[in-house]
Amino acid sequence: MNDNGVSMDNTGKSIKNFFMILGFGLLLLLILAAFNQTVQIVNFMTAIHPFLGKLTLAVLAVTFGLIILVPFAAIIKFSKMTELPEDTSSPAYHDYMNQLKVRLHKNTILKTAGFEFDDAEDTSLEIDRALSLLNEKSRSVIKDNAAAVFLTTAISQNGVLDGAFVLASITKMIWQIARIYDQRPSLNRMLVLYGNIGATVLMARGIEDLDLMDEQIEPIITSVLGGGLANLIPGAVTVTNLIVNSITEGSVNALLTLRVGCLTKMYCSSTTKPNKSKLRRSATIEACSLLGSLMKENTVIVLKAFGLAAKRAAKNTLKIKS
């Protein structure tokens, strides 16, 4: 292995160790905070009546138990992922495809859609056909999450809260997409998935993709916003600029969400070892293609929200003057 390969492996291990330490630290803080709040609540209820204290402790214990057990049960029910062989002509790859076909046979989304495998056809073609259906479901989840991010960040205009919301939405979306393929990702595979996607989004060497984003997003924003806002609020340059900035910020956050979602979908549905560079490029192109329709569907909602806010502000001003 060359020096670059060794460096990449070391970087991957460092990222994995960092996220594991961070995760354990956050988990410990969460446990301590939950314990502290539980003690305070139980003590407060006990001061009112000892029975209320015991009842509150029992209710909280059951609640925390469900919070822990329900996600654990959801993880356990998925089939465990197997490693994807690099050589597509090897017997190991043939076994992998057969195992994947068996897992897809049990996929609830495919069953609900009435999908059936044709054993007379080539296994790879049938798997591709099944994955295409799951990809459509994933694309729907991606668009829903991106729409929520677009509306929230466009209307909210709060940098800290918007950043937290985008991060939470992306984290949830990655898990939702992984579930669509009805597999149980191991901790290592989920760390790899999150790590690969995080590196793809944040790494400096992906700067060439940012140029493509600019090329794609600018005409979309111009086509959606051009001319309409100037007629909407004649002379109100400040308000118009605020709306344009809000929609632009929402669209950038939505594009990031779409891109991460497309990356996740491609990682989960890939039947060959993915080329990270090509994957980033493909995800960017697909995300940009989805952004146009998403903006057209949701920009009207943002404009209505600003319109209602403007009307309320005008009414309040009139009341104060009167």
C-alpha atoms as a PDB file:
ATOM      1  CA  MET A   1       0.000   0.000   0.000  1.00  0.00           C
ATOM      2  CA  ASN A   2       1.387   3.466  -0.891  1.00  0.00           C
ATOM      3  CA  ASP A   3       1.865   6.371   1.497  1.00  0.00           C
ATOM      4  CA  ASN A   4      -1.409   7.967   0.368  1.00  0.00           C
ATOM      5  CA  GLY A   5      -3.286   4.753   1.110  1.00  0.00           C
ATOM      6  CA  VAL A   6      -1.722   4.488   4.557  1.00  0.00           C
ATOM      7  CA  SER A   7      -2.523   8.142   5.231  1.00  0.00           C
ATOM      8  CA  MET A   8      -6.163   7.674   4.215  1.00  0.00           C
ATOM      9  CA  ASP A   9      -6.475   4.591   6.447  1.00  0.00           C
ATOM     10  CA  ASN A  10      -4.980   6.472   9.392  1.00  0.00           C
ATOM     11  CA  THR A  11      -7.284   9.412   8.726  1.00  0.00           C
ATOM     12  CA  GLY A  12     -10.290   7.090   8.622  1.00  0.00           C
ATOM     13  CA  LYS A  13      -9.295   5.478  11.910  1.00  0.00           C
ATOM     14  CA  SER A  14      -8.748   8.894  13.504  1.00  0.00           C
ATOM     15  CA  ILE A  15     -12.184  10.072  12.374  1.00  0.00           C
ATOM     16  CA  LYS A  16     -13.774   6.862  13.669  1.00  0.00           C
ATOM     17  CA  ASN A  17     -12.024   7.153  17.047  1.00  0.00           C
ATOM     18  CA  PHE A  18     -12.960  10.825  17.329  1.00  0.00           C
ATOM     19  CA  PHE A  19     -16.660  10.132  16.711  1.00  0.00           C
ATOM     20  CA  MET A  20     -16.635   7.180  19.106  1.00  0.00           C
ATOM     21  CA  ILE A  21     -15.097   9.293  21.891  1.00  0.00           C
ATOM     22  CA  LEU A  22     -17.464  12.154  21.115  1.00  0.00           C
ATOM     23  CA  GLY A  23     -20.445   9.803  21.118  1.00  0.00           C
ATOM     24  CA  PHE A  24     -19.518   8.228  24.442  1.00  0.00           C
ATOM     25  CA  GLY A  25     -18.931  11.664  25.947  1.00  0.00           C
ATOM     26  CA  LEU A  26     -22.303  12.962  24.791  1.00  0.00           C
ATOM     27  CA  LEU A  27     -23.967   9.775  26.018  1.00  0.00           C
ATOM     28  CA  LEU A  28     -22.387  10.177  29.444  1.00  0.00           C
ATOM     29  CA  LEU A  29     -23.514  13.805  29.662  1.00  0.00           C
ATOM     30  CA  LEU A  30     -27.026  12.782  28.623  1.00  0.00           C
ATOM     31  CA  ILE A  31     -27.158  10.057  31.285  1.00  0.00           C
ATOM     32  CA  LEU A  32     -25.920  12.438  34.001  1.00  0.00           C
ATOM     33  CA  ALA A  33     -28.423  15.119  32.959  1.00  0.00           C
ATOM     34  CA  ALA A  34     -31.281  12.593  32.883  1.00  0.00           C
ATOM     35  CA  PHE A  35     -30.286  11.204  36.292  1.00  0.00           C
ATOM     36  CA  ASN A  36     -30.077  14.704  37.799  1.00  0.00           C
ATOM     37  CA  GLN A  37     -33.466  15.724  36.421  1.00  0.00           C
ATOM     38  CA  THR A  38     -35.031  12.450  37.530  1.00  0.00           C
ATOM     39  CA  VAL A  39     -33.777  12.894  41.109  1.00  0.00           C
ATOM     40  CA  GLN A  40     -35.124  16.434  41.212  1.00  0.00           C
ATOM     41  CA  ILE A  41     -38.546  15.456  39.877  1.00  0.00           C
ATOM     42  CA  VAL A  42     -38.862  12.436  42.200  1.00  0.00           C
ATOM     43  CA  ASN A  43     -37.802  14.502  45.226  1.00  0.00           C
ATOM     44  CA  PHE A  44     -40.319  17.191  44.336  1.00  0.00           C
ATOM     45  CA  MET A  45     -43.151  14.664  43.989  1.00  0.00           C
ATOM     46  CA  THR A  46     -42.081  12.859  47.193  1.00  0.00           C
ATOM     47  CA  ALA A  47     -42.297  16.156  49.091  1.00  0.00           C
ATOM     48  CA  ILE A  48     -45.928  16.365  48.024  1.00  0.00           C
ATOM     49  CA  HIS A  49     -46.663  12.721  48.906  1.00  0.00           C
ATOM     50  CA  PRO A  50     -44.418   9.630  49.174  1.00  0.00           C
ATOM     51  CA  PHE A  51     -46.758   7.641  46.929  1.00  0.00           C
ATOM     52  CA  LEU A  52     -46.478  10.276  44.171  1.00  0.00           C
ATOM     53  CA  GLY A  53     -42.696  10.009  44.424  1.00  0.00           C
ATOM     54  CA  LYS A  54     -42.763   6.236  43.943  1.00  0.00           C
ATOM     55  CA  LEU A  55     -45.304   6.511  41.128  1.00  0.00           C
ATOM     56  CA  THR A  56     -43.230   9.162  39.359  1.00  0.00           C
ATOM     57  CA  LEU A  57     -40.079   7.046  39.675  1.00  0.00           C
ATOM     58  CA  ALA A  58     -41.873   4.025  38.213  1.00  0.00           C
ATOM     59  CA  VAL A  59     -43.283   6.049  35.302  1.00  0.00           C
ATOM     60  CA  LEU A  60     -39.887   7.598  34.515  1.00  0.00           C
ATOM     61  CA  ALA A  61     -38.163   4.207  34.745  1.00  0.00           C
ATOM     62  CA  VAL A  62     -40.626   2.704  32.263  1.00  0.00           C
ATOM     63  CA  THR A  63     -40.262   5.744  29.968  1.00  0.00           C
ATOM     64  CA  PHE A  64     -36.466   5.578  29.956  1.00  0.00           C
ATOM     65  CA  GLY A  65     -36.641   1.827  29.427  1.00  0.00           C
ATOM     66  CA  LEU A  66     -38.820   2.274  26.343  1.00  0.00           C
ATOM     67  CA  ILE A  67     -36.552   5.022  25.010  1.00  0.00           C
ATOM     68  CA  ILE A  68     -33.628   2.590  25.206  1.00  0.00           C
ATOM     69  CA  LEU A  69     -35.350  -0.647  24.185  1.00  0.00           C
ATOM     70  CA  VAL A  70     -37.488   0.553  21.256  1.00  0.00           C
ATOM     71  CA  PRO A  71     -34.542   1.779  19.112  1.00  0.00           C
ATOM     72  CA  PHE A  72     -32.530  -1.295  20.113  1.00  0.00           C
ATOM     73  CA  ALA A  73     -35.375  -3.575  18.993  1.00  0.00           C
ATOM     74  CA  ALA A  74     -35.661  -1.609  15.746  1.00  0.00           C
ATOM     75  CA  ILE A  75     -31.957  -2.192  15.077  1.00  0.00           C
ATOM     76  CA  ILE A  76     -32.027  -5.886  15.950  1.00  0.00           C
ATOM     77  CA  LYS A  77     -34.908  -6.688  13.592  1.00  0.00           C
ATOM     78  CA  PHE A  78     -32.890  -5.662  10.531  1.00  0.00           C
ATOM     79  CA  SER A  79     -30.766  -8.184   8.698  1.00  0.00           C
ATOM     80  CA  LYS A  80     -27.063  -7.694   9.350  1.00  0.00           C
ATOM     81  CA  MET A  81     -25.116  -6.101   6.520  1.00  0.00           C
ATOM     82  CA  THR A  82     -22.357  -8.122   4.915  1.00  0.00           C
ATOM     83  CA  GLU A  83     -19.176  -6.688   3.485  1.00  0.00           C
ATOM     84  CA  LEU A  84     -19.212  -5.853  -0.221  1.00  0.00           C
ATOM     85  CA  PRO A  85     -16.422  -7.709  -2.072  1.00  0.00           C
ATOM     86  CA  GLU A  86     -14.240  -5.633  -4.373  1.00  0.00           C
ATOM     87  CA  ASP A  87     -13.854  -8.235  -7.124  1.00  0.00           C
ATOM     88  CA  THR A  88     -17.200  -8.561  -8.946  1.00  0.00           C
ATOM     89  CA  SER A  89     -16.068 -11.778 -10.652  1.00  0.00           C
ATOM     90  CA  SER A  90     -15.137 -13.579  -7.436  1.00  0.00           C
ATOM     91  CA  PRO A  91     -17.245 -16.328  -5.814  1.00  0.00           C
ATOM     92  CA  ALA A  92     -17.504 -14.103  -2.727  1.00  0.00           C
ATOM     93  CA  TYR A  93     -19.275 -11.441  -4.796  1.00  0.00           C
ATOM     94  CA  HIS A  94     -21.662 -14.051  -6.208  1.00  0.00           C
ATOM     95  CA  ASP A  95     -22.483 -15.163  -2.660  1.00  0.00           C
ATOM     96  CA  TYR A  96     -22.967 -11.537  -1.624  1.00  0.00           C
ATOM     97  CA  MET A  97     -25.497 -10.920  -4.408  1.00  0.00           C
ATOM     98  CA  ASN A  98     -27.412 -14.073  -3.474  1.00  0.00           C
ATOM     99  CA  GLN A  99     -27.515 -12.970   0.169  1.00  0.00           C
ATOM    100  CA  LEU A 100     -28.670  -9.514  -0.896  1.00  0.00           C
ATOM    101  CA  LYS A 101     -31.455 -11.070  -2.964  1.00  0.00           C
ATOM    102  CA  VAL A 102     -32.593 -13.089   0.072  1.00  0.00           C
ATOM    103  CA  ARG A 103     -32.654  -9.919   2.206  1.00  0.00           C
ATOM    104  CA  LEU A 104     -34.574  -8.016  -0.429  1.00  0.00           C
ATOM    105  CA  HIS A 105     -37.128 -10.834  -0.536  1.00  0.00           C
ATOM    106  CA  LYS A 106     -37.933  -9.943   3.094  1.00  0.00           C
ATOM    107  CA  ASN A 107     -38.012  -6.171   2.561  1.00  0.00           C
ATOM    108  CA  THR A 108     -41.349  -4.821   3.787  1.00  0.00           C
ATOM    109  CA  ILE A 109     -41.406  -1.923   1.328  1.00  0.00           C
ATOM    110  CA  LEU A 110     -40.960  -4.279  -1.627  1.00  0.00           C
ATOM    111  CA  LYS A 111     -43.657  -6.591  -0.237  1.00  0.00           C
ATOM    112  CA  THR A 112     -46.089  -3.701   0.210  1.00  0.00           C
ATOM    113  CA  ALA A 113     -45.415  -2.559  -3.365  1.00  0.00           C
ATOM    114  CA  GLY A 114     -46.142  -6.084  -4.631  1.00  0.00           C
ATOM    115  CA  PHE A 115     -42.640  -6.544  -5.988  1.00  0.00           C
ATOM    116  CA  GLU A 116     -41.725 -10.083  -6.992  1.00  0.00           C
ATOM    117  CA  PHE A 117     -38.397 -11.472  -8.146  1.00  0.00           C
ATOM    118  CA  ASP A 118     -38.288 -13.294 -11.470  1.00  0.00           C
ATOM    119  CA  ASP A 119     -35.979 -16.239 -10.843  1.00  0.00           C
ATOM    120  CA  ALA A 120     -35.670 -16.779 -14.579  1.00  0.00           C
ATOM    121  CA  GLU A 121     -33.924 -13.431 -14.978  1.00  0.00           C
ATOM    122  CA  ASP A 122     -30.340 -12.567 -14.090  1.00  0.00           C
ATOM    123  CA  THR A 123     -29.870 -12.034 -10.332  1.00  0.00           C
ATOM    124  CA  SER A 124     -28.024  -8.736 -10.785  1.00  0.00           C
ATOM    125  CA  LEU A 125     -30.772  -7.312 -13.004  1.00  0.00           C
ATOM    126  CA  GLU A 126     -33.489  -8.332 -10.563  1.00  0.00           C
ATOM    127  CA  ILE A 127     -31.567  -6.801  -7.658  1.00  0.00           C
ATOM    128  CA  ASP A 128     -31.132  -3.576  -9.621  1.00  0.00           C
ATOM    129  CA  ARG A 129     -34.873  -3.529 -10.304  1.00  0.00           C
ATOM    130  CA  ALA A 130     -35.639  -3.981  -6.595  1.00  0.00           C
ATOM    131  CA  LEU A 131     -33.108  -1.352  -5.546  1.00  0.00           C
ATOM    132  CA  SER A 132     -34.588   1.100  -8.042  1.00  0.00           C
ATOM    133  CA  LEU A 133     -37.910   0.860  -6.233  1.00  0.00           C
ATOM    134  CA  LEU A 134     -36.220   1.385  -2.865  1.00  0.00           C
ATOM    135  CA  ASN A 135     -34.296   4.306  -4.337  1.00  0.00           C
ATOM    136  CA  GLU A 136     -37.589   5.973  -5.242  1.00  0.00           C
ATOM    137  CA  LYS A 137     -38.741   5.591  -1.633  1.00  0.00           C
ATOM    138  CA  SER A 138     -35.433   7.010  -0.428  1.00  0.00           C
ATOM    139  CA  ARG A 139     -35.764   9.931  -2.817  1.00  0.00           C
ATOM    140  CA  SER A 140     -39.162  10.730  -1.302  1.00  0.00           C
ATOM    141  CA  VAL A 141     -37.677  10.717   2.219  1.00  0.00           C
ATOM    142  CA  ILE A 142     -34.811  12.936   1.038  1.00  0.00           C
ATOM    143  CA  LYS A 143     -37.175  15.478  -0.511  1.00  0.00           C
ATOM    144  CA  ASP A 144     -39.394  15.564   2.588  1.00  0.00           C
ATOM    145  CA  ASN A 145     -36.422  16.248   4.859  1.00  0.00           C
ATOM    146  CA  ALA A 146     -34.958  18.819   2.477  1.00  0.00           C
ATOM    147  CA  ALA A 147     -38.326  20.601   2.253  1.00  0.00           C
ATOM    148  CA  ALA A 148     -38.527  20.778   6.055  1.00  0.00           C
ATOM    149  CA  VAL A 149     -34.978  22.165   6.194  1.00  0.00           C
ATOM    150  CA  PHE A 150     -35.764  24.692   3.450  1.00  0.00           C
ATOM    151  CA  LEU A 151     -38.897  26.033   5.141  1.00  0.00           C
ATOM    152  CA  THR A 152     -37.468  26.049   8.664  1.00  0.00           C
ATOM    153  CA  THR A 153     -34.182  27.768   7.855  1.00  0.00           C
ATOM    154  CA  ALA A 154     -35.744  30.213   5.401  1.00  0.00           C
ATOM    155  CA  ILE A 155     -38.348  31.407   7.916  1.00  0.00           C
ATOM    156  CA  SER A 156     -36.386  31.019  11.162  1.00  0.00           C
ATOM    157  CA  GLN A 157     -33.317  33.118  10.299  1.00  0.00           C
ATOM    158  CA  ASN A 158     -31.554  32.004  13.476  1.00  0.00           C
ATOM    159  CA  GLY A 159     -28.039  30.820  12.729  1.00  0.00           C
ATOM    160  CA  VAL A 160     -27.450  28.662  15.802  1.00  0.00           C
ATOM    161  CA  LEU A 161     -30.886  27.041  15.821  1.00  0.00           C
ATOM    162  CA  ASP A 162     -30.844  26.578  12.057  1.00  0.00           C
ATOM    163  CA  GLY A 163     -27.472  24.829  12.226  1.00  0.00           C
ATOM    164  CA  ALA A 164     -28.691  22.501  14.975  1.00  0.00           C
ATOM    165  CA  PHE A 165     -31.889  21.756  13.058  1.00  0.00           C
ATOM    166  CA  VAL A 166     -30.011  20.983   9.829  1.00  0.00           C
ATOM    167  CA  LEU A 167     -27.595  18.682  11.660  1.00  0.00           C
ATOM    168  CA  ALA A 168     -30.429  16.865  13.445  1.00  0.00           C
ATOM    169  CA  SER A 169     -32.421  16.548  10.210  1.00  0.00           C
ATOM    170  CA  ILE A 170     -29.468  15.140   8.264  1.00  0.00           C
ATOM    171  CA  THR A 171     -28.618  12.677  11.043  1.00  0.00           C
ATOM    172  CA  LYS A 172     -32.226  11.473  11.189  1.00  0.00           C
ATOM    173  CA  MET A 173     -32.476  11.288   7.398  1.00  0.00           C
ATOM    174  CA  ILE A 174     -29.377   9.076   7.106  1.00  0.00           C
ATOM    175  CA  TRP A 175     -30.908   6.628   9.571  1.00  0.00           C
ATOM    176  CA  GLN A 176     -34.289   6.706   7.785  1.00  0.00           C
ATOM    177  CA  ILE A 177     -32.645   5.899   4.456  1.00  0.00           C
ATOM    178  CA  ALA A 178     -30.599   3.068   5.983  1.00  0.00           C
ATOM    179  CA  ARG A 179     -33.846   1.596   7.337  1.00  0.00           C
ATOM    180  CA  ILE A 180     -35.495   1.656   3.908  1.00  0.00           C
ATOM    181  CA  TYR A 181     -33.074  -0.974   2.706  1.00  0.00           C
ATOM    182  CA  ASP A 182     -34.162  -3.100   5.678  1.00  0.00           C
ATOM    183  CA  GLN A 183     -30.688  -3.973   6.848  1.00  0.00           C
ATOM    184  CA  ARG A 184     -29.093  -3.769  10.278  1.00  0.00           C
ATOM    185  CA  PRO A 185     -25.979  -1.664   9.870  1.00  0.00           C
ATOM    186  CA  SER A 186     -23.315  -2.585  12.386  1.00  0.00           C
ATOM    187  CA  LEU A 187     -21.830   0.189  14.514  1.00  0.00           C
ATOM    188  CA  ASN A 188     -18.725   0.056  12.366  1.00  0.00           C
ATOM    189  CA  ARG A 189     -20.695   0.316   9.113  1.00  0.00           C
ATOM    190  CA  MET A 190     -22.787   3.217  10.446  1.00  0.00           C
ATOM    191  CA  LEU A 191     -19.604   5.003  11.525  1.00  0.00           C
ATOM    192  CA  VAL A 192     -18.178   4.386   8.073  1.00  0.00           C
ATOM    193  CA  LEU A 193     -21.393   5.637   6.469  1.00  0.00           C
ATOM    194  CA  TYR A 194     -21.566   8.794   8.577  1.00  0.00           C
ATOM    195  CA  GLY A 195     -17.810   9.283   8.234  1.00  0.00           C
ATOM    196  CA  ASN A 196     -17.785   8.899   4.459  1.00  0.00           C
ATOM    197  CA  ILE A 197     -20.710  11.250   4.036  1.00  0.00           C
ATOM    198  CA  GLY A 198     -19.303  13.769   6.494  1.00  0.00           C
ATOM    199  CA  ALA A 199     -15.910  13.687   4.801  1.00  0.00           C
ATOM    200  CA  THR A 200     -17.529  14.028   1.390  1.00  0.00           C
ATOM    201  CA  VAL A 201     -19.405  17.133   2.477  1.00  0.00           C
ATOM    202  CA  LEU A 202     -16.648  18.777   4.511  1.00  0.00           C
ATOM    203  CA  MET A 203     -13.369  17.753   2.852  1.00  0.00           C
ATOM    204  CA  ALA A 204     -11.488  20.551   1.115  1.00  0.00           C
ATOM    205  CA  ARG A 205     -10.729  18.391  -1.918  1.00  0.00           C
ATOM    206  CA  GLY A 206     -14.445  18.474  -2.755  1.00  0.00           C
ATOM    207  CA  ILE A 207     -14.112  22.170  -3.636  1.00  0.00           C
ATOM    208  CA  GLU A 208     -14.546  21.395  -7.332  1.00  0.00           C
ATOM    209  CA  ASP A 209     -18.085  20.243  -6.518  1.00  0.00           C
ATOM    210  CA  LEU A 210     -18.872  23.622  -4.943  1.00  0.00           C
ATOM    211  CA  ASP A 211     -18.341  25.276  -8.321  1.00  0.00           C
ATOM    212  CA  LEU A 212     -20.939  22.937  -9.788  1.00  0.00           C
ATOM    213  CA  MET A 213     -23.304  23.836  -6.936  1.00  0.00           C
ATOM    214  CA  ASP A 214     -22.938  27.527  -7.736  1.00  0.00           C
ATOM    215  CA  GLU A 215     -23.515  26.891 -11.425  1.00  0.00           C
ATOM    216  CA  GLN A 216     -26.676  24.906 -10.674  1.00  0.00           C
ATOM    217  CA  ILE A 217     -28.198  26.882  -7.821  1.00  0.00           C
ATOM    218  CA  GLU A 218     -27.838  30.385  -9.259  1.00  0.00           C
ATOM    219  CA  PRO A 219     -30.087  29.900 -12.326  1.00  0.00           C
ATOM    220  CA  ILE A 220     -32.592  27.999 -10.188  1.00  0.00           C
ATOM    221  CA  ILE A 221     -32.876  30.839  -7.679  1.00  0.00           C
ATOM    222  CA  THR A 222     -33.037  33.380 -10.515  1.00  0.00           C
ATOM    223  CA  SER A 223     -35.809  31.487 -12.309  1.00  0.00           C
ATOM    224  CA  VAL A 224     -37.852  31.040  -9.147  1.00  0.00           C
ATOM    225  CA  LEU A 225     -37.365  34.496  -7.668  1.00  0.00           C
ATOM    226  CA  GLY A 226     -36.618  36.664 -10.665  1.00  0.00           C
ATOM    227  CA  GLY A 227     -39.192  39.353 -11.268  1.00  0.00           C
ATOM    228  CA  GLY A 228     -41.795  38.008  -8.872  1.00  0.00           C
ATOM    229  CA  LEU A 229     -40.619  39.687  -5.709  1.00  0.00           C
ATOM    230  CA  ALA A 230     -40.124  43.080  -7.263  1.00  0.00           C
ATOM    231  CA  ASN A 231     -43.791  43.108  -8.263  1.00  0.00           C
ATOM    232  CA  LEU A 232     -44.887  41.599  -4.975  1.00  0.00           C
ATOM    233  CA  ILE A 233     -43.637  44.459  -2.789  1.00  0.00           C
ATOM    234  CA  PRO A 234     -43.003  47.511  -4.996  1.00  0.00           C
ATOM    235  CA  GLY A 235     -40.510  49.909  -3.444  1.00  0.00           C
ATOM    236  CA  ALA A 236     -39.948  47.734  -0.368  1.00  0.00           C
ATOM    237  CA  VAL A 237     -36.318  47.001  -1.207  1.00  0.00           C
ATOM    238  CA  THR A 238     -35.343  46.047   2.342  1.00  0.00           C
ATOM    239  CA  VAL A 239     -38.184  43.568   2.719  1.00  0.00           C
ATOM    240  CA  THR A 240     -37.557  42.173  -0.748  1.00  0.00           C
ATOM    241  CA  ASN A 241     -33.874  41.650   0.014  1.00  0.00           C
ATOM    242  CA  LEU A 242     -34.803  39.958   3.303  1.00  0.00           C
ATOM    243  CA  ILE A 243     -37.067  37.541   1.468  1.00  0.00           C
ATOM    244  CA  VAL A 244     -34.455  36.853  -1.209  1.00  0.00           C
ATOM    245  CA  ASN A 245     -31.782  36.208   1.446  1.00  0.00           C
ATOM    246  CA  SER A 246     -34.151  33.957   3.391  1.00  0.00           C
ATOM    247  CA  ILE A 247     -35.019  31.847   0.371  1.00  0.00           C
ATOM    248  CA  THR A 248     -31.375  31.720  -0.696  1.00  0.00           C
ATOM    249  CA  GLU A 249     -30.296  30.521   2.752  1.00  0.00           C
ATOM    250  CA  GLY A 250     -33.077  27.961   2.825  1.00  0.00           C
ATOM    251  CA  SER A 251     -32.136  26.697  -0.624  1.00  0.00           C
ATOM    252  CA  VAL A 252     -28.454  26.299   0.318  1.00  0.00           C
ATOM    253  CA  ASN A 253     -29.363  24.295   3.434  1.00  0.00           C
ATOM    254  CA  ALA A 254     -31.844  22.252   1.408  1.00  0.00           C
ATOM    255  CA  LEU A 255     -29.173  21.575  -1.210  1.00  0.00           C
ATOM    256  CA  LEU A 256     -26.800  20.329   1.491  1.00  0.00           C
ATOM    257  CA  THR A 257     -29.552  18.044   2.835  1.00  0.00           C
ATOM    258  CA  LEU A 258     -30.367  16.768  -0.652  1.00  0.00           C
ATOM    259  CA  ARG A 259     -26.712  16.091  -1.372  1.00  0.00           C
ATOM    260  CA  VAL A 260     -26.147  14.156   1.846  1.00  0.00           C
ATOM    261  CA  GLY A 261     -29.369  12.231   1.237  1.00  0.00           C
ATOM    262  CA  CYS A 262     -28.344  11.318  -2.298  1.00  0.00           C
ATOM    263  CA  LEU A 263     -24.928  10.207  -1.045  1.00  0.00           C
ATOM    264  CA  THR A 264     -26.535   8.020   1.598  1.00  0.00           C
ATOM    265  CA  LYS A 265     -28.887   6.488  -0.958  1.00  0.00           C
ATOM    266  CA  MET A 266     -26.013   5.708  -3.295  1.00  0.00           C
ATOM    267  CA  TYR A 267     -23.927   4.148  -0.528  1.00  0.00           C
ATOM    268  CA  CYS A 268     -26.825   1.988   0.680  1.00  0.00           C
ATOM    269  CA  SER A 269     -27.893   0.818  -2.776  1.00  0.00           C
ATOM    270  CA  SER A 270     -24.477   0.302  -4.329  1.00  0.00           C
ATOM    271  CA  THR A 271     -23.723  -3.244  -5.479  1.00  0.00           C
ATOM    272  CA  THR A 272     -20.100  -2.427  -6.308  1.00  0.00           C
ATOM    273  CA  LYS A 273     -17.374  -0.678  -4.341  1.00  0.00           C
ATOM    274  CA  PRO A 274     -18.288   2.999  -4.797  1.00  0.00           C
ATOM    275  CA  ASN A 275     -15.791   5.468  -6.222  1.00  0.00           C
ATOM    276  CA  LYS A 276     -15.948   8.356  -3.747  1.00  0.00           C
ATOM    277  CA  SER A 277     -15.054  11.056  -6.255  1.00  0.00           C
ATOM    278  CA  LYS A 278     -17.671   9.931  -8.787  1.00  0.00           C
ATOM    279  CA  LEU A 279     -20.173   9.428  -6.000  1.00  0.00           C
ATOM    280  CA  ARG A 280     -19.733  12.998  -4.781  1.00  0.00           C
ATOM    281  CA  ARG A 281     -20.176  14.345  -8.283  1.00  0.00           C
ATOM    282  CA  SER A 282     -23.238  12.217  -8.999  1.00  0.00           C
ATOM    283  CA  ALA A 283     -24.819  13.157  -5.667  1.00  0.00           C
ATOM    284  CA  THR A 284     -24.274  16.855  -6.359  1.00  0.00           C
ATOM    285  CA  ILE A 285     -25.851  16.620  -9.817  1.00  0.00           C
ATOM    286  CA  GLU A 286     -28.863  14.668  -8.508  1.00  0.00           C
ATOM    287  CA  ALA A 287     -29.297  17.062  -5.575  1.00  0.00           C
ATOM    288  CA  CYS A 288     -29.271  20.073  -7.888  1.00  0.00           C
ATOM    289  CA  SER A 289     -31.839  18.419 -10.152  1.00  0.00           C
ATOM    290  CA  LEU A 290     -34.163  17.928  -7.164  1.00  0.00           C
ATOM    291  CA  LEU A 291     -33.661  21.424  -5.780  1.00  0.00           C
ATOM    292  CA  GLY A 292     -35.560  23.249  -8.535  1.00  0.00           C
ATOM    293  CA  SER A 293     -38.898  21.506  -7.975  1.00  0.00           C
ATOM    294  CA  LEU A 294     -38.443  21.673  -4.186  1.00  0.00           C
ATOM    295  CA  MET A 295     -37.939  25.444  -4.303  1.00  0.00           C
ATOM    296  CA  LYS A 296     -40.899  26.002  -6.596  1.00  0.00           C
ATOM    297  CA  GLU A 297     -43.151  23.978  -4.300  1.00  0.00           C
ATOM    298  CA  ASN A 298     -42.058  25.654  -1.064  1.00  0.00           C
ATOM    299  CA  THR A 299     -41.122  29.228  -1.996  1.00  0.00           C
ATOM    300  CA  VAL A 300     -44.816  30.153  -2.083  1.00  0.00           C
ATOM    301  CA  ILE A 301     -45.166  28.980   1.525  1.00  0.00           C
ATOM    302  CA  VAL A 302     -42.254  31.203   2.571  1.00  0.00           C
ATOM    303  CA  LEU A 303     -43.736  34.185   0.738  1.00  0.00           C
ATOM    304  CA  LYS A 304     -47.094  33.629   2.408  1.00  0.00           C
ATOM    305  CA  ALA A 305     -45.405  33.447   5.812  1.00  0.00           C
ATOM    306  CA  PHE A 306     -43.662  36.764   5.209  1.00  0.00           C
ATOM    307  CA  GLY A 307     -46.903  38.232   3.866  1.00  0.00           C
ATOM    308  CA  LEU A 308     -48.829  37.240   6.993  1.00  0.00           C
ATOM    309  CA  ALA A 309     -46.043  38.620   9.192  1.00  0.00           C
ATOM    310  CA  ALA A 310     -46.131  41.903   7.271  1.00  0.00           C
ATOM    311  CA  LYS A 311     -49.921  42.174   7.663  1.00  0.00           C
ATOM    312  CA  ARG A 312     -49.716  41.516  11.401  1.00  0.00           C
ATOM    313  CA  ALA A 313     -46.946  44.081  11.763  1.00  0.00           C
ATOM    314  CA  ALA A 314     -49.024  46.641   9.845  1.00  0.00           C
ATOM    315  CA  LYS A 315     -52.076  45.982  12.019  1.00  0.00           C
ATOM    316  CA  ASN A 316     -50.034  46.344  15.205  1.00  0.00           C
ATOM    317  CA  THR A 317     -48.553  49.603  13.930  1.00  0.00           C
ATOM    318  CA  LEU A 318     -52.021  50.993  13.166  1.00  0.00           C
ATOM    319  CA  LYS A 319     -53.261  49.977  16.619  1.00  0.00           C
ATOM    320  CA  ILE A 320     -50.334  51.732  18.290  1.00  0.00           C
ATOM    321  CA  LYS A 321     -50.860  54.900  16.265  1.00  0.00           C
ATOM    322  CA  SER A 322     -54.594  54.904  16.952  1.00  0.00           C
END
